[in-house]
N, C-alpha and C. Protein backbone atom coordinates (compact mmCIF):
# COMPACT_ATOMS: atom_id res chain seq x y z
N UNK A 1 -79.95 -50.84 -119.22
CA UNK A 1 -80.91 -52.08 -119.58
C UNK A 1 -80.46 -53.20 -118.74
N UNK A 2 -81.29 -53.78 -118.29
CA UNK A 2 -81.23 -54.89 -117.03
C UNK A 2 -80.42 -56.04 -117.91
N UNK A 3 -79.52 -56.54 -117.12
CA UNK A 3 -78.97 -57.96 -117.81
C UNK A 3 -79.93 -58.94 -117.89
N UNK A 4 -80.16 -59.75 -118.96
CA UNK A 4 -81.15 -60.75 -119.31
C UNK A 4 -80.47 -62.17 -119.01
N UNK A 5 -81.44 -63.14 -118.69
CA UNK A 5 -81.15 -64.53 -118.24
C UNK A 5 -80.05 -65.01 -119.07
N UNK A 6 -79.68 -64.84 -120.37
CA UNK A 6 -78.65 -65.41 -120.96
C UNK A 6 -77.33 -64.88 -120.44
N UNK A 7 -77.33 -63.72 -120.13
CA UNK A 7 -75.90 -63.20 -119.65
C UNK A 7 -75.60 -64.21 -118.33
N UNK A 8 -76.52 -64.39 -117.35
CA UNK A 8 -76.41 -65.33 -116.10
C UNK A 8 -75.87 -66.63 -116.33
N UNK A 9 -76.41 -67.22 -117.58
CA UNK A 9 -76.15 -68.54 -117.96
C UNK A 9 -74.81 -69.06 -118.47
N UNK A 10 -73.94 -67.83 -118.57
CA UNK A 10 -72.59 -68.01 -119.05
C UNK A 10 -71.82 -68.47 -117.70
N UNK A 11 -70.66 -69.01 -118.09
CA UNK A 11 -69.60 -69.67 -117.15
C UNK A 11 -69.30 -68.38 -116.02
N UNK A 12 -68.91 -68.67 -115.01
CA UNK A 12 -68.17 -67.47 -114.16
C UNK A 12 -67.12 -66.86 -114.79
N UNK A 13 -66.46 -67.76 -115.46
CA UNK A 13 -65.06 -67.39 -116.06
C UNK A 13 -65.32 -66.52 -117.45
N UNK A 14 -66.33 -66.37 -117.82
CA UNK A 14 -66.94 -65.30 -118.92
C UNK A 14 -67.51 -64.17 -118.20
N UNK A 15 -68.44 -64.51 -117.26
CA UNK A 15 -69.13 -63.45 -116.83
C UNK A 15 -68.15 -62.68 -115.87
N UNK A 16 -67.33 -63.08 -115.16
CA UNK A 16 -66.74 -62.06 -114.41
C UNK A 16 -65.99 -60.87 -114.91
N UNK A 17 -65.52 -61.06 -116.25
CA UNK A 17 -64.89 -59.73 -116.82
C UNK A 17 -66.07 -59.11 -117.58
N UNK A 18 -67.05 -60.04 -118.12
CA UNK A 18 -68.08 -59.07 -118.61
C UNK A 18 -68.97 -58.17 -117.67
N UNK A 19 -68.69 -58.50 -116.23
CA UNK A 19 -69.69 -57.73 -115.43
C UNK A 19 -69.00 -56.42 -115.03
N UNK A 20 -67.50 -56.26 -115.42
CA UNK A 20 -66.96 -55.18 -115.40
C UNK A 20 -67.65 -53.97 -116.03
N UNK A 21 -67.79 -52.69 -115.36
CA UNK A 21 -68.46 -51.64 -116.13
C UNK A 21 -69.85 -51.74 -116.09
N UNK A 22 -70.57 -52.74 -115.72
CA UNK A 22 -71.92 -52.96 -115.50
C UNK A 22 -72.26 -52.26 -114.23
N UNK A 23 -73.48 -52.00 -114.06
CA UNK A 23 -74.12 -50.77 -112.75
C UNK A 23 -74.98 -51.88 -112.03
N UNK A 24 -74.44 -52.00 -110.56
CA UNK A 24 -75.20 -52.71 -109.71
C UNK A 24 -76.30 -51.92 -109.04
N UNK A 25 -77.44 -52.14 -108.58
CA UNK A 25 -78.40 -51.43 -108.03
C UNK A 25 -78.91 -52.17 -106.99
N UNK A 26 -79.26 -51.53 -105.83
CA UNK A 26 -79.75 -52.16 -104.75
C UNK A 26 -80.83 -51.09 -104.10
N UNK A 27 -82.05 -51.65 -103.72
CA UNK A 27 -83.08 -50.79 -103.26
C UNK A 27 -83.32 -51.06 -101.85
N UNK A 28 -83.05 -50.32 -100.99
CA UNK A 28 -83.32 -50.55 -99.41
C UNK A 28 -84.52 -50.80 -99.21
N UNK A 29 -84.88 -51.43 -97.92
CA UNK A 29 -86.22 -51.62 -97.46
C UNK A 29 -86.77 -50.19 -97.49
N UNK A 30 -86.10 -49.03 -97.11
CA UNK A 30 -86.80 -47.83 -97.20
C UNK A 30 -86.90 -47.08 -98.19
N UNK A 31 -86.77 -47.93 -99.55
CA UNK A 31 -86.93 -47.59 -101.03
C UNK A 31 -85.82 -46.67 -101.34
N UNK A 32 -84.68 -46.48 -100.79
CA UNK A 32 -83.68 -45.61 -101.30
C UNK A 32 -83.01 -46.59 -102.08
N UNK A 33 -82.58 -46.27 -103.51
CA UNK A 33 -81.86 -46.80 -104.36
C UNK A 33 -80.29 -46.54 -104.31
N UNK A 34 -79.31 -47.47 -104.09
CA UNK A 34 -78.14 -47.21 -104.29
C UNK A 34 -77.54 -47.72 -105.44
N UNK A 35 -76.57 -47.30 -106.02
CA UNK A 35 -75.78 -48.01 -107.10
C UNK A 35 -74.33 -47.70 -107.41
N UNK A 36 -73.78 -48.62 -108.11
CA UNK A 36 -72.14 -48.47 -108.31
C UNK A 36 -71.88 -49.16 -109.56
N UNK A 37 -70.67 -48.61 -110.30
CA UNK A 37 -70.47 -49.38 -111.29
C UNK A 37 -69.45 -50.43 -111.17
N UNK A 38 -69.41 -51.61 -111.46
CA UNK A 38 -68.51 -52.45 -110.98
C UNK A 38 -67.21 -52.38 -111.57
N UNK A 39 -66.23 -52.50 -110.76
CA UNK A 39 -64.82 -52.35 -111.16
C UNK A 39 -63.92 -53.40 -110.76
N UNK A 40 -64.36 -54.55 -110.08
CA UNK A 40 -63.49 -55.47 -109.88
C UNK A 40 -64.40 -56.79 -109.28
N UNK A 41 -63.88 -57.84 -110.04
CA UNK A 41 -64.61 -59.10 -109.92
C UNK A 41 -63.63 -60.23 -109.57
N UNK A 42 -64.20 -61.32 -108.91
CA UNK A 42 -63.48 -62.60 -109.12
C UNK A 42 -64.17 -63.78 -109.46
N UNK A 43 -63.80 -64.66 -110.22
CA UNK A 43 -64.52 -66.06 -110.72
C UNK A 43 -64.18 -67.08 -109.82
N UNK A 44 -65.39 -67.78 -109.28
CA UNK A 44 -65.12 -69.06 -108.48
C UNK A 44 -65.95 -70.15 -109.34
N UNK A 45 -65.24 -71.21 -109.66
CA UNK A 45 -65.73 -72.25 -110.85
C UNK A 45 -65.85 -73.57 -110.41
N UNK A 46 -66.78 -74.10 -109.54
CA UNK A 46 -66.97 -75.53 -109.48
C UNK A 46 -66.41 -76.11 -108.44
N UNK A 47 -66.69 -77.53 -108.04
CA UNK A 47 -66.19 -78.14 -106.96
C UNK A 47 -64.68 -78.44 -107.15
N UNK A 48 -64.12 -78.45 -108.40
CA UNK A 48 -62.81 -78.80 -108.51
C UNK A 48 -61.95 -77.41 -108.12
N UNK A 49 -62.70 -76.21 -107.99
CA UNK A 49 -61.83 -74.94 -107.63
C UNK A 49 -61.64 -75.07 -106.08
N UNK A 50 -60.57 -75.16 -105.63
CA UNK A 50 -60.21 -75.32 -104.21
C UNK A 50 -60.41 -73.83 -103.35
N UNK A 51 -60.79 -72.93 -104.20
CA UNK A 51 -61.01 -71.62 -103.46
C UNK A 51 -62.50 -71.42 -103.55
N UNK A 52 -63.40 -72.24 -104.23
CA UNK A 52 -64.71 -71.95 -104.29
C UNK A 52 -65.37 -72.60 -103.26
N UNK A 53 -66.26 -71.78 -102.49
CA UNK A 53 -66.99 -72.65 -101.50
C UNK A 53 -67.67 -73.90 -101.68
N UNK A 54 -67.93 -74.26 -102.99
CA UNK A 54 -68.57 -75.61 -103.12
C UNK A 54 -67.46 -76.70 -103.36
N UNK A 55 -66.32 -76.55 -103.17
CA UNK A 55 -65.25 -77.51 -102.89
C UNK A 55 -65.50 -78.65 -102.37
N UNK A 56 -66.18 -78.57 -101.45
CA UNK A 56 -66.88 -79.65 -100.21
C UNK A 56 -68.05 -80.39 -100.53
N UNK A 57 -68.42 -79.69 -101.67
CA UNK A 57 -69.86 -80.25 -102.30
C UNK A 57 -71.09 -79.39 -101.65
N UNK A 58 -72.10 -79.79 -101.87
CA UNK A 58 -73.43 -79.30 -101.75
C UNK A 58 -73.74 -79.25 -99.92
N UNK A 59 -73.95 -77.92 -99.46
CA UNK A 59 -74.18 -77.77 -98.13
C UNK A 59 -75.54 -76.94 -98.02
N UNK A 60 -75.98 -76.84 -96.90
CA UNK A 60 -77.03 -75.95 -96.42
C UNK A 60 -76.50 -74.32 -97.05
N UNK A 61 -75.36 -73.93 -96.62
CA UNK A 61 -74.59 -72.76 -97.02
C UNK A 61 -74.54 -72.58 -98.39
N UNK A 62 -74.00 -73.51 -99.17
CA UNK A 62 -73.73 -73.60 -100.48
C UNK A 62 -74.84 -73.75 -101.40
N UNK A 63 -75.88 -74.36 -101.05
CA UNK A 63 -77.03 -74.83 -101.96
C UNK A 63 -77.49 -73.62 -103.04
N UNK A 64 -77.31 -72.44 -102.55
CA UNK A 64 -77.63 -71.23 -103.65
C UNK A 64 -76.64 -71.47 -104.81
N UNK A 65 -75.22 -71.87 -104.62
CA UNK A 65 -74.47 -72.17 -105.78
C UNK A 65 -74.81 -72.93 -106.71
N UNK A 66 -75.75 -73.95 -106.34
CA UNK A 66 -76.00 -75.11 -107.34
C UNK A 66 -77.12 -74.51 -108.09
N UNK A 67 -77.82 -73.33 -107.87
CA UNK A 67 -79.22 -73.05 -108.55
C UNK A 67 -78.67 -72.56 -109.93
N UNK A 68 -79.72 -72.28 -110.76
CA UNK A 68 -79.37 -71.68 -112.20
C UNK A 68 -78.97 -70.22 -111.83
N UNK A 69 -77.77 -69.76 -112.81
CA UNK A 69 -77.40 -68.70 -112.74
C UNK A 69 -78.50 -67.41 -112.60
N UNK A 70 -78.18 -66.37 -112.12
CA UNK A 70 -79.10 -65.12 -112.01
C UNK A 70 -79.61 -64.92 -110.74
N UNK A 71 -78.87 -65.46 -109.62
CA UNK A 71 -79.40 -65.27 -108.30
C UNK A 71 -78.24 -64.59 -107.51
N UNK A 72 -78.44 -64.08 -106.24
CA UNK A 72 -77.45 -63.55 -105.45
C UNK A 72 -77.04 -64.87 -104.41
N UNK A 73 -75.63 -64.91 -103.97
CA UNK A 73 -75.16 -65.57 -103.12
C UNK A 73 -74.38 -64.65 -102.19
N UNK A 74 -75.20 -64.66 -101.04
CA UNK A 74 -74.39 -63.72 -100.07
C UNK A 74 -73.86 -64.49 -98.88
N UNK A 75 -72.80 -64.28 -98.46
CA UNK A 75 -72.17 -65.13 -97.26
C UNK A 75 -71.54 -64.14 -96.41
N UNK A 76 -71.44 -64.42 -94.98
CA UNK A 76 -70.77 -63.61 -94.02
C UNK A 76 -69.32 -64.12 -93.94
N UNK A 77 -68.20 -63.13 -94.15
CA UNK A 77 -66.76 -63.45 -94.02
C UNK A 77 -66.27 -62.81 -92.78
N UNK A 78 -65.55 -63.66 -92.28
CA UNK A 78 -64.95 -63.16 -90.80
C UNK A 78 -65.79 -62.82 -89.70
N UNK A 79 -67.24 -63.27 -90.02
CA UNK A 79 -68.19 -62.63 -89.04
C UNK A 79 -68.72 -61.38 -88.94
N UNK A 80 -68.07 -60.52 -90.13
CA UNK A 80 -68.42 -59.17 -90.09
C UNK A 80 -69.09 -58.74 -91.37
N UNK A 81 -68.32 -59.27 -92.34
CA UNK A 81 -68.83 -58.66 -93.92
C UNK A 81 -69.63 -59.54 -94.73
N UNK A 82 -70.61 -58.96 -95.35
CA UNK A 82 -71.48 -59.69 -96.26
C UNK A 82 -70.95 -59.41 -97.44
N UNK A 83 -70.56 -60.53 -98.13
CA UNK A 83 -69.95 -60.53 -99.43
C UNK A 83 -71.03 -60.98 -100.44
N UNK A 84 -70.98 -60.19 -101.61
CA UNK A 84 -71.97 -60.47 -102.60
C UNK A 84 -71.35 -60.97 -103.92
N UNK A 85 -71.99 -62.05 -104.34
CA UNK A 85 -71.54 -62.82 -105.38
C UNK A 85 -72.78 -63.28 -106.45
N UNK A 86 -72.59 -63.34 -107.67
CA UNK A 86 -73.50 -63.48 -108.56
C UNK A 86 -73.32 -65.03 -109.08
N UNK A 87 -74.45 -65.50 -108.89
CA UNK A 87 -74.53 -67.05 -109.34
C UNK A 87 -74.50 -67.23 -110.82
N UNK A 88 -73.80 -67.94 -111.58
CA UNK A 88 -73.81 -68.11 -113.02
C UNK A 88 -73.90 -69.53 -113.42
N UNK A 89 -74.18 -69.44 -114.79
CA UNK A 89 -74.18 -71.13 -115.19
C UNK A 89 -75.35 -71.77 -115.01
N UNK A 90 -75.23 -73.15 -115.54
CA UNK A 90 -76.55 -73.83 -115.37
C UNK A 90 -76.80 -74.57 -114.00
N UNK A 91 -77.93 -74.86 -113.75
CA UNK A 91 -78.22 -75.58 -112.50
C UNK A 91 -77.17 -76.91 -112.23
N UNK A 92 -76.93 -76.95 -110.91
CA UNK A 92 -76.30 -78.20 -110.54
C UNK A 92 -74.76 -78.13 -110.97
N UNK A 93 -74.22 -77.03 -111.54
CA UNK A 93 -72.57 -76.72 -111.56
C UNK A 93 -72.24 -75.36 -110.94
N UNK A 94 -71.93 -75.48 -109.55
CA UNK A 94 -71.80 -74.27 -108.52
C UNK A 94 -70.71 -73.50 -109.14
N UNK A 95 -70.94 -72.08 -109.46
CA UNK A 95 -70.02 -71.18 -109.81
C UNK A 95 -70.59 -69.86 -109.49
N UNK A 96 -69.80 -68.78 -109.30
CA UNK A 96 -70.37 -67.36 -109.21
C UNK A 96 -69.12 -66.51 -109.29
N UNK A 97 -69.67 -65.16 -109.15
CA UNK A 97 -68.51 -64.25 -109.32
C UNK A 97 -69.02 -63.39 -108.21
N UNK A 98 -67.61 -63.16 -107.50
CA UNK A 98 -67.74 -62.09 -106.26
C UNK A 98 -67.53 -60.97 -107.00
N UNK A 99 -68.50 -59.88 -106.24
CA UNK A 99 -68.17 -58.37 -106.74
C UNK A 99 -67.20 -57.94 -105.75
N UNK A 100 -66.14 -57.74 -106.08
CA UNK A 100 -65.13 -57.09 -105.24
C UNK A 100 -65.10 -55.58 -104.98
N UNK A 101 -65.65 -54.81 -105.98
CA UNK A 101 -65.57 -53.53 -105.95
C UNK A 101 -66.41 -52.81 -106.58
N UNK A 102 -66.82 -51.73 -106.49
CA UNK A 102 -67.73 -50.58 -107.26
C UNK A 102 -66.75 -49.21 -107.24
N UNK A 103 -67.08 -48.43 -108.07
CA UNK A 103 -66.57 -47.11 -108.10
C UNK A 103 -66.89 -46.54 -106.67
N UNK A 104 -65.65 -46.32 -106.04
CA UNK A 104 -65.76 -45.37 -104.81
C UNK A 104 -65.82 -46.32 -103.42
N UNK A 105 -65.90 -47.66 -103.53
CA UNK A 105 -65.84 -48.49 -102.78
C UNK A 105 -65.10 -49.89 -103.07
N UNK A 106 -63.75 -49.75 -102.73
CA UNK A 106 -62.96 -50.88 -102.91
C UNK A 106 -62.92 -51.89 -101.97
N UNK A 107 -63.13 -53.22 -102.23
CA UNK A 107 -63.26 -54.27 -101.19
C UNK A 107 -64.73 -54.75 -101.16
N UNK A 108 -64.96 -56.02 -101.19
CA UNK A 108 -66.18 -56.48 -101.13
C UNK A 108 -67.26 -56.03 -100.02
N UNK A 109 -66.45 -56.13 -98.69
CA UNK A 109 -67.25 -55.73 -97.39
C UNK A 109 -67.68 -54.25 -97.40
N UNK A 110 -66.74 -53.61 -97.99
CA UNK A 110 -66.92 -51.96 -98.04
C UNK A 110 -68.31 -51.56 -99.04
N UNK A 111 -68.10 -52.33 -100.27
CA UNK A 111 -69.29 -52.18 -101.10
C UNK A 111 -70.73 -52.69 -100.43
N UNK A 112 -70.63 -53.52 -99.85
CA UNK A 112 -71.95 -54.14 -99.40
C UNK A 112 -72.25 -53.17 -98.41
N UNK A 113 -71.40 -52.70 -97.39
CA UNK A 113 -71.65 -52.03 -96.24
C UNK A 113 -72.33 -50.69 -97.01
N UNK A 114 -71.80 -50.04 -97.89
CA UNK A 114 -72.26 -48.86 -98.49
C UNK A 114 -73.61 -48.78 -99.03
N UNK A 115 -73.82 -49.91 -99.96
CA UNK A 115 -75.00 -50.25 -100.59
C UNK A 115 -75.99 -50.76 -99.65
N UNK A 116 -75.62 -51.20 -98.54
CA UNK A 116 -76.73 -51.80 -97.47
C UNK A 116 -77.13 -53.21 -97.84
N UNK A 117 -76.31 -54.03 -98.80
CA UNK A 117 -76.62 -55.34 -99.05
C UNK A 117 -76.43 -56.24 -97.89
N UNK A 118 -77.22 -57.16 -97.65
CA UNK A 118 -77.09 -57.95 -96.50
C UNK A 118 -77.51 -59.25 -96.96
N UNK A 119 -77.57 -60.42 -96.03
CA UNK A 119 -77.91 -61.80 -96.17
C UNK A 119 -79.50 -61.69 -96.64
N UNK A 120 -80.29 -61.05 -96.23
CA UNK A 120 -81.68 -61.10 -96.65
C UNK A 120 -81.89 -61.33 -98.29
N UNK A 121 -80.90 -60.75 -98.81
CA UNK A 121 -80.92 -60.88 -100.45
C UNK A 121 -80.17 -62.27 -100.94
N UNK A 122 -79.90 -63.02 -100.02
CA UNK A 122 -79.04 -64.20 -100.47
C UNK A 122 -80.37 -65.01 -101.11
N UNK A 123 -80.07 -65.55 -102.21
CA UNK A 123 -80.82 -66.54 -103.06
C UNK A 123 -81.94 -65.59 -103.82
N UNK A 124 -82.05 -64.30 -103.98
CA UNK A 124 -82.69 -63.34 -104.58
C UNK A 124 -82.40 -63.37 -105.93
N UNK A 125 -83.42 -63.27 -107.14
CA UNK A 125 -83.04 -63.14 -108.36
C UNK A 125 -82.61 -61.87 -108.85
N UNK A 126 -81.51 -61.69 -109.79
CA UNK A 126 -81.22 -60.44 -110.25
C UNK A 126 -82.20 -60.20 -111.47
N UNK A 127 -83.02 -60.95 -111.72
CA UNK A 127 -83.79 -61.07 -113.02
C UNK A 127 -85.13 -60.55 -112.69
N UNK A 128 -85.61 -61.13 -111.50
CA UNK A 128 -87.01 -60.66 -111.49
C UNK A 128 -87.30 -59.57 -109.96
N UNK A 129 -86.10 -59.31 -109.29
CA UNK A 129 -86.43 -58.61 -108.19
C UNK A 129 -86.17 -57.30 -108.43
N UNK A 130 -87.14 -56.42 -107.56
CA UNK A 130 -86.87 -54.85 -107.69
C UNK A 130 -86.07 -54.52 -106.43
N UNK A 131 -85.41 -55.51 -105.75
CA UNK A 131 -84.64 -55.09 -104.56
C UNK A 131 -82.89 -54.94 -105.08
N UNK A 132 -82.66 -55.94 -106.08
CA UNK A 132 -81.27 -55.84 -106.29
C UNK A 132 -81.19 -56.30 -107.83
N UNK A 133 -80.46 -55.51 -108.80
CA UNK A 133 -80.38 -55.97 -110.02
C UNK A 133 -79.16 -55.24 -110.68
N UNK A 134 -78.62 -55.64 -111.93
CA UNK A 134 -77.62 -55.24 -112.72
C UNK A 134 -78.19 -54.74 -113.94
N UNK A 135 -77.50 -53.69 -114.32
CA UNK A 135 -77.79 -53.01 -115.57
C UNK A 135 -76.54 -52.74 -116.62
N UNK A 136 -76.75 -52.75 -117.98
CA UNK A 136 -75.65 -52.63 -118.74
C UNK A 136 -76.17 -51.32 -119.46
N UNK A 137 -75.17 -50.25 -119.13
CA UNK A 137 -75.38 -49.06 -119.72
C UNK A 137 -74.42 -48.68 -121.11
N UNK A 138 -73.76 -49.93 -121.42
CA UNK A 138 -72.76 -49.85 -122.75
C UNK A 138 -71.51 -49.66 -122.39
N UNK A 139 -71.15 -49.39 -121.12
CA UNK A 139 -69.70 -49.15 -120.83
C UNK A 139 -68.78 -50.37 -121.21
N UNK A 140 -67.65 -50.17 -121.77
CA UNK A 140 -66.84 -51.51 -122.03
C UNK A 140 -65.28 -51.06 -121.65
N UNK A 141 -65.23 -51.18 -120.45
CA UNK A 141 -63.82 -50.77 -119.82
C UNK A 141 -62.70 -51.82 -120.33
N UNK A 142 -61.35 -51.35 -120.28
CA UNK A 142 -60.19 -52.11 -120.36
C UNK A 142 -60.01 -52.60 -119.19
N UNK A 143 -59.56 -53.88 -118.95
CA UNK A 143 -59.18 -54.38 -117.81
C UNK A 143 -58.24 -55.54 -117.76
N UNK A 144 -57.44 -55.75 -116.47
CA UNK A 144 -56.59 -56.64 -116.49
C UNK A 144 -56.89 -57.88 -115.62
N UNK A 145 -56.28 -58.99 -115.77
CA UNK A 145 -56.64 -60.54 -115.30
C UNK A 145 -55.42 -60.53 -114.17
N UNK A 146 -55.71 -60.77 -113.07
CA UNK A 146 -54.63 -61.02 -111.78
C UNK A 146 -54.96 -62.44 -111.18
N UNK A 147 -54.15 -62.52 -110.17
CA UNK A 147 -54.38 -63.78 -109.33
C UNK A 147 -55.61 -63.28 -108.13
N UNK A 148 -56.36 -64.03 -107.86
CA UNK A 148 -57.48 -63.70 -106.81
C UNK A 148 -56.74 -63.42 -105.42
N UNK A 149 -57.46 -62.64 -104.45
CA UNK A 149 -56.97 -62.26 -103.33
C UNK A 149 -57.56 -63.16 -102.29
N UNK A 150 -56.88 -63.41 -101.14
CA UNK A 150 -57.40 -63.97 -99.86
C UNK A 150 -57.72 -65.32 -99.93
N UNK A 151 -56.95 -66.09 -100.62
CA UNK A 151 -57.34 -67.77 -100.93
C UNK A 151 -56.33 -68.34 -100.75
N UNK A 152 -55.50 -68.11 -99.53
CA UNK A 152 -54.14 -68.91 -98.98
C UNK A 152 -54.68 -70.54 -98.84
N UNK A 153 -55.95 -70.71 -98.44
CA UNK A 153 -56.23 -72.27 -98.27
C UNK A 153 -56.40 -72.93 -99.44
N UNK A 154 -56.46 -72.07 -100.60
CA UNK A 154 -56.64 -73.11 -101.84
C UNK A 154 -55.22 -73.73 -102.41
N UNK A 155 -55.30 -74.91 -103.10
CA UNK A 155 -54.08 -75.34 -103.64
C UNK A 155 -53.32 -74.28 -104.35
N UNK A 156 -52.14 -74.43 -104.73
CA UNK A 156 -51.05 -73.75 -105.66
C UNK A 156 -51.88 -73.56 -106.94
N UNK A 157 -52.46 -74.51 -107.60
CA UNK A 157 -53.17 -74.41 -108.72
C UNK A 157 -53.90 -73.30 -108.80
N UNK A 158 -54.88 -73.42 -107.89
CA UNK A 158 -56.20 -72.41 -108.07
C UNK A 158 -55.65 -71.18 -107.40
N UNK A 159 -54.72 -70.87 -106.47
CA UNK A 159 -53.95 -69.68 -106.13
C UNK A 159 -53.75 -68.87 -107.26
N UNK A 160 -53.00 -69.67 -108.20
CA UNK A 160 -52.37 -68.89 -109.34
C UNK A 160 -53.18 -68.84 -110.50
N UNK A 161 -54.30 -69.20 -110.47
CA UNK A 161 -55.41 -68.87 -111.50
C UNK A 161 -55.77 -67.39 -111.85
N UNK A 162 -55.41 -66.73 -113.06
CA UNK A 162 -55.78 -65.20 -113.32
C UNK A 162 -57.16 -65.07 -113.42
N UNK A 163 -58.03 -65.48 -112.35
CA UNK A 163 -59.41 -65.36 -112.34
C UNK A 163 -60.08 -63.94 -111.49
N UNK A 164 -59.12 -62.90 -111.26
CA UNK A 164 -59.46 -61.71 -110.67
C UNK A 164 -59.65 -60.71 -111.79
N UNK A 165 -60.48 -59.77 -112.07
CA UNK A 165 -60.59 -58.99 -113.07
C UNK A 165 -60.83 -57.56 -112.75
N UNK A 166 -59.75 -56.52 -113.13
CA UNK A 166 -59.94 -55.13 -112.46
C UNK A 166 -59.94 -54.15 -113.64
N UNK A 167 -60.61 -53.35 -113.55
CA UNK A 167 -60.72 -52.21 -114.64
C UNK A 167 -59.28 -51.59 -114.44
N UNK A 168 -58.82 -51.24 -115.62
CA UNK A 168 -57.56 -50.72 -115.76
C UNK A 168 -57.64 -49.15 -115.41
């Protein structure tokens, strides 16, 4: 069953572990459907989170983060990898969940490359789109919480938050 609006209105801190075990789908422009079970996520929570792209406030790049939950935030990392985030929570409180891995593809850049997810999906709704969506098939995996990866630029307080969630 496709995730409903209420799911996306949760905070990123609640949605990140809840996305584990859900199935991400993408229909390519050629009509091919790719999918994968989400196995790793990270939460980014508001302007005070020094690891969050919204830490410097609203910009053209981060405007999507300020929308109501349920849309994709996709950005280019290192000029190479498109990374997929799920915007969550209420409008005007920037937060999102980075999808770090799906079964078979560890790493956020590897999963988007394998599933052919690119920047054209930035701002697209998971609720109404037939191009990208997430379904719940009832899986309830056990998981562990750890520190987020690759955020050396963040303050120690936010580097040490256990906001990365991985299926055990």
